[in-house]
Structures are given as structure tokens and as C-alpha cells.
Amino acid sequence: MASTLKINTLTGVSTAGSIAVTGEGNSTTTNLQQGLCKAWALMTQSDNSIYDSFNVTSVGDDGTGQVGFNFTNLMSGRTFSPMMNTQVASAGGLDDVGNTSIETDEVTMQARGLDGNNFDANPMAMSLHGDLA
């Protein structure tokens, strides 16, 4: 018989911030909090506006093709994993995306075209995984 569980808060029994979830093969577990995306944003560099986001308060224009994503809640250290993607039609192709700076309060991402030059990406999407402070 199927059932529905309705709750507002999940808390681990032995450690409040750690909930283990049984994996796909029923033989391993994974930590629920570790698997969650801690911040993401979809924005445009044409006017530095954010279409939608989670845990991102604002974006900053750090130069052609470079955007600083400022976090609402800090990361615990500089060892998180940011990822970025963009539409490449205006650049004729994408050579490289990556980060130029990782701090606990922001990450700066950049887009570079096949010609070796950075380009303003419209739209630019960023997400990251890691530990919140």
C-alpha cells in the first residue's frame, strides 16, 4: 500500500546535518546533504540580470566573459565544485568555460570562444556542489 509522508524539516538522529540514503543497488549509502546543489543561477551578461537563482544574491561584471556569482550563504571553504555552461551561437563555438576565482562568498566564471577570446554569454548558467559554512 502506498503512503504519503508530509513534513517540513528532516533532521538526522545521530547527527542533525547528516542523513544517509540507501543507494541504487541497496548495498551502499550516500549522504543526502552532500548530493544537493548548494547554489545555481541563470543570468545574462547583456545587462547582468538574473533570470532565476538559488543561494545567489547578485552577479558582478568582472570583465568580458567573466561573471562573479555572489552567494547568499557562504561555503565552508574554497574546495567546492563550480560548473558553468552557456549558449555558444554568438561565439561561433565554445573553447573553454571555467572559474577564475573561488572564494567562500563568490565564484567567478568565464566563457572563451574558439578564437581564444572571452565573450559575454547570454545566457550563462552556473551551479555548484560542496559544503555550506
C-alpha atoms as a PDB file:
ATOM      1  CA  MET A   1       0.000   0.000   0.000  1.00  0.00           C
ATOM      2  CA  ALA A   2       1.437   3.394  -0.989  1.00  0.00           C
ATOM      3  CA  SER A   3       1.654   6.189   1.570  1.00  0.00           C
ATOM      4  CA  THR A   4       2.464   9.897   1.627  1.00  0.00           C
ATOM      5  CA  LEU A   5       4.831  11.497   4.111  1.00  0.00           C
ATOM      6  CA  LYS A   6       4.335  15.246   4.621  1.00  0.00           C
ATOM      7  CA  ILE A   7       6.963  17.071   6.689  1.00  0.00           C
ATOM      8  CA  ASN A   8       8.627  20.482   6.843  1.00  0.00           C
ATOM      9  CA  THR A   9      12.015  19.501   8.288  1.00  0.00           C
ATOM     10  CA  LEU A  10      14.306  16.466   8.074  1.00  0.00           C
ATOM     11  CA  THR A  11      16.930  16.046  10.793  1.00  0.00           C
ATOM     12  CA  GLY A  12      19.378  13.184  11.251  1.00  0.00           C
ATOM     13  CA  VAL A  13      19.060  11.202  14.502  1.00  0.00           C
ATOM     14  CA  SER A  14      22.746  10.826  15.412  1.00  0.00           C
ATOM     15  CA  THR A  15      23.982  13.934  13.556  1.00  0.00           C
ATOM     16  CA  ALA A  16      21.440  16.661  12.815  1.00  0.00           C
ATOM     17  CA  GLY A  17      23.011  17.655   9.473  1.00  0.00           C
ATOM     18  CA  SER A  18      23.643  14.167   8.133  1.00  0.00           C
ATOM     19  CA  ILE A  19      21.010  11.906   6.611  1.00  0.00           C
ATOM     20  CA  ALA A  20      22.075   8.676   4.880  1.00  0.00           C
ATOM     21  CA  VAL A  21      20.069   7.487   1.875  1.00  0.00           C
ATOM     22  CA  THR A  22      20.322   3.929   0.546  1.00  0.00           C
ATOM     23  CA  GLY A  23      21.769   3.897  -2.968  1.00  0.00           C
ATOM     24  CA  GLU A  24      20.520   2.263  -6.147  1.00  0.00           C
ATOM     25  CA  GLY A  25      21.925  -1.226  -5.515  1.00  0.00           C
ATOM     26  CA  ASN A  26      20.692  -1.340  -1.906  1.00  0.00           C
ATOM     27  CA  SER A  27      24.287  -2.049  -0.849  1.00  0.00           C
ATOM     28  CA  THR A  28      25.660   1.466  -0.314  1.00  0.00           C
ATOM     29  CA  THR A  29      24.507   4.716   1.221  1.00  0.00           C
ATOM     30  CA  THR A  30      25.041   8.311   0.234  1.00  0.00           C
ATOM     31  CA  ASN A  31      24.778  11.465   2.307  1.00  0.00           C
ATOM     32  CA  LEU A  32      21.687  13.457   1.310  1.00  0.00           C
ATOM     33  CA  GLN A  33      23.208  16.872   2.078  1.00  0.00           C
ATOM     34  CA  GLN A  34      26.394  16.151   0.095  1.00  0.00           C
ATOM     35  CA  GLY A  35      24.380  15.362  -3.019  1.00  0.00           C
ATOM     36  CA  LEU A  36      22.394  18.592  -3.113  1.00  0.00           C
ATOM     37  CA  CYS A  37      23.238  21.533  -5.365  1.00  0.00           C
ATOM     38  CA  LYS A  38      24.272  24.362  -2.989  1.00  0.00           C
ATOM     39  CA  ALA A  39      23.882  27.277  -5.440  1.00  0.00           C
ATOM     40  CA  TRP A  40      22.792  27.867  -9.024  1.00  0.00           C
ATOM     41  CA  ALA A  41      21.915  30.778 -11.280  1.00  0.00           C
ATOM     42  CA  LEU A  42      20.824  31.509 -14.828  1.00  0.00           C
ATOM     43  CA  MET A  43      21.749  35.011 -15.941  1.00  0.00           C
ATOM     44  CA  THR A  44      22.567  37.179 -18.946  1.00  0.00           C
ATOM     45  CA  GLN A  45      25.702  39.251 -19.380  1.00  0.00           C
ATOM     46  CA  SER A  46      23.998  41.737 -21.686  1.00  0.00           C
ATOM     47  CA  ASP A  47      22.627  43.544 -18.611  1.00  0.00           C
ATOM     48  CA  ASN A  48      23.867  41.318 -15.728  1.00  0.00           C
ATOM     49  CA  SER A  49      20.351  40.325 -14.770  1.00  0.00           C
ATOM     50  CA  ILE A  50      19.484  37.052 -13.058  1.00  0.00           C
ATOM     51  CA  TYR A  51      16.612  35.101 -14.619  1.00  0.00           C
ATOM     52  CA  ASP A  52      16.407  32.721 -11.678  1.00  0.00           C
ATOM     53  CA  SER A  53      18.701  31.510  -8.914  1.00  0.00           C
ATOM     54  CA  PHE A  54      19.173  29.679  -5.631  1.00  0.00           C
ATOM     55  CA  ASN A  55      21.637  30.896  -2.955  1.00  0.00           C
ATOM     56  CA  VAL A  56      22.917  33.649  -5.292  1.00  0.00           C
ATOM     57  CA  THR A  57      22.270  37.238  -4.184  1.00  0.00           C
ATOM     58  CA  SER A  58      23.779  39.056  -7.154  1.00  0.00           C
ATOM     59  CA  VAL A  59      26.176  38.830 -10.082  1.00  0.00           C
ATOM     60  CA  GLY A  60      29.007  41.158 -10.949  1.00  0.00           C
ATOM     61  CA  ASP A  61      30.558  42.028 -14.300  1.00  0.00           C
ATOM     62  CA  ASP A  62      34.225  41.087 -13.830  1.00  0.00           C
ATOM     63  CA  GLY A  63      35.222  41.720 -17.461  1.00  0.00           C
ATOM     64  CA  THR A  64      34.346  40.407 -20.903  1.00  0.00           C
ATOM     65  CA  GLY A  65      33.032  36.887 -20.467  1.00  0.00           C
ATOM     66  CA  GLN A  66      33.608  36.911 -16.704  1.00  0.00           C
ATOM     67  CA  VAL A  67      30.869  36.922 -14.076  1.00  0.00           C
ATOM     68  CA  GLY A  68      31.166  36.879 -10.293  1.00  0.00           C
ATOM     69  CA  PHE A  69      28.330  34.968  -8.624  1.00  0.00           C
ATOM     70  CA  ASN A  70      27.835  36.195  -5.032  1.00  0.00           C
ATOM     71  CA  PHE A  71      26.399  33.684  -2.540  1.00  0.00           C
ATOM     72  CA  THR A  72      23.611  34.275  -0.021  1.00  0.00           C
ATOM     73  CA  ASN A  73      25.063  31.627   2.310  1.00  0.00           C
ATOM     74  CA  LEU A  74      28.837  31.157   2.467  1.00  0.00           C
ATOM     75  CA  MET A  75      30.614  27.967   1.509  1.00  0.00           C
ATOM     76  CA  SER A  76      32.707  26.335   4.250  1.00  0.00           C
ATOM     77  CA  GLY A  77      35.938  26.662   2.270  1.00  0.00           C
ATOM     78  CA  ARG A  78      37.383  27.087  -1.198  1.00  0.00           C
ATOM     79  CA  THR A  79      37.088  23.386  -2.054  1.00  0.00           C
ATOM     80  CA  PHE A  80      33.697  23.331  -3.753  1.00  0.00           C
ATOM     81  CA  SER A  81      32.995  22.312  -7.326  1.00  0.00           C
ATOM     82  CA  PRO A  82      31.504  25.018  -9.584  1.00  0.00           C
ATOM     83  CA  MET A  83      30.277  24.267 -13.110  1.00  0.00           C
ATOM     84  CA  MET A  84      29.193  26.611 -15.874  1.00  0.00           C
ATOM     85  CA  ASN A  85      27.638  26.333 -19.303  1.00  0.00           C
ATOM     86  CA  THR A  86      26.445  28.766 -21.924  1.00  0.00           C
ATOM     87  CA  GLN A  87      24.812  29.034 -25.305  1.00  0.00           C
ATOM     88  CA  VAL A  88      27.540  29.400 -27.921  1.00  0.00           C
ATOM     89  CA  ALA A  89      25.753  30.565 -31.074  1.00  0.00           C
ATOM     90  CA  SER A  90      27.114  34.120 -30.816  1.00  0.00           C
ATOM     91  CA  ALA A  91      30.722  32.978 -30.299  1.00  0.00           C
ATOM     92  CA  GLY A  92      30.882  30.500 -33.171  1.00  0.00           C
ATOM     93  CA  GLY A  93      31.709  27.760 -30.686  1.00  0.00           C
ATOM     94  CA  LEU A  94      32.929  27.309 -27.160  1.00  0.00           C
ATOM     95  CA  ASP A  95      36.578  26.617 -26.393  1.00  0.00           C
ATOM     96  CA  ASP A  96      36.574  26.860 -22.617  1.00  0.00           C
ATOM     97  CA  VAL A  97      34.430  27.573 -19.602  1.00  0.00           C
ATOM     98  CA  GLY A  98      35.790  27.655 -16.121  1.00  0.00           C
ATOM     99  CA  ASN A  99      36.414  29.544 -12.968  1.00  0.00           C
ATOM    100  CA  THR A 100      38.951  32.279 -12.466  1.00  0.00           C
ATOM    101  CA  SER A 101      38.393  32.735  -8.736  1.00  0.00           C
ATOM    102  CA  ILE A 102      36.938  30.592  -5.954  1.00  0.00           C
ATOM    103  CA  GLU A 103      36.162  32.233  -2.615  1.00  0.00           C
ATOM    104  CA  THR A 104      33.804  31.264   0.214  1.00  0.00           C
ATOM    105  CA  ASP A 105      31.445  34.124  -0.725  1.00  0.00           C
ATOM    106  CA  GLU A 106      31.638  34.033  -4.540  1.00  0.00           C
ATOM    107  CA  VAL A 107      32.910  32.283  -7.625  1.00  0.00           C
ATOM    108  CA  THR A 108      33.967  33.978 -10.870  1.00  0.00           C
ATOM    109  CA  MET A 109      33.259  32.062 -14.067  1.00  0.00           C
ATOM    110  CA  GLN A 110      34.353  32.813 -17.630  1.00  0.00           C
ATOM    111  CA  ALA A 111      33.448  31.842 -21.203  1.00  0.00           C
ATOM    112  CA  ARG A 112      36.030  31.731 -24.034  1.00  0.00           C
ATOM    113  CA  GLY A 113      35.231  31.265 -27.721  1.00  0.00           C
ATOM    114  CA  LEU A 114      37.087  29.224 -30.340  1.00  0.00           C
ATOM    115  CA  ASP A 115      39.003  32.351 -31.340  1.00  0.00           C
ATOM    116  CA  GLY A 116      40.670  32.362 -27.887  1.00  0.00           C
ATOM    117  CA  ASN A 117      38.837  35.468 -26.694  1.00  0.00           C
ATOM    118  CA  ASN A 118      36.405  35.712 -23.794  1.00  0.00           C
ATOM    119  CA  PHE A 119      32.844  36.549 -24.811  1.00  0.00           C
ATOM    120  CA  ASP A 120      29.786  37.774 -22.920  1.00  0.00           C
ATOM    121  CA  ALA A 121      27.467  34.794 -22.614  1.00  0.00           C
ATOM    122  CA  ASN A 122      23.714  35.120 -22.997  1.00  0.00           C
ATOM    123  CA  PRO A 123      22.573  33.148 -21.117  1.00  0.00           C
ATOM    124  CA  MET A 124      25.199  31.879 -18.657  1.00  0.00           C
ATOM    125  CA  ALA A 125      24.326  29.122 -16.181  1.00  0.00           C
ATOM    126  CA  MET A 126      26.291  28.228 -13.036  1.00  0.00           C
ATOM    127  CA  SER A 127      25.801  25.521 -10.419  1.00  0.00           C
ATOM    128  CA  LEU A 128      27.990  24.251  -7.616  1.00  0.00           C
ATOM    129  CA  HIS A 129      28.313  21.430  -5.129  1.00  0.00           C
ATOM    130  CA  GLY A 130      30.228  21.429  -1.855  1.00  0.00           C
ATOM    131  CA  ASP A 131      29.853  22.193   1.832  1.00  0.00           C
ATOM    132  CA  LEU A 132      27.970  25.213   3.156  1.00  0.00           C
ATOM    133  CA  ALA A 133      29.516  27.045   6.109  1.00  0.00           C
END
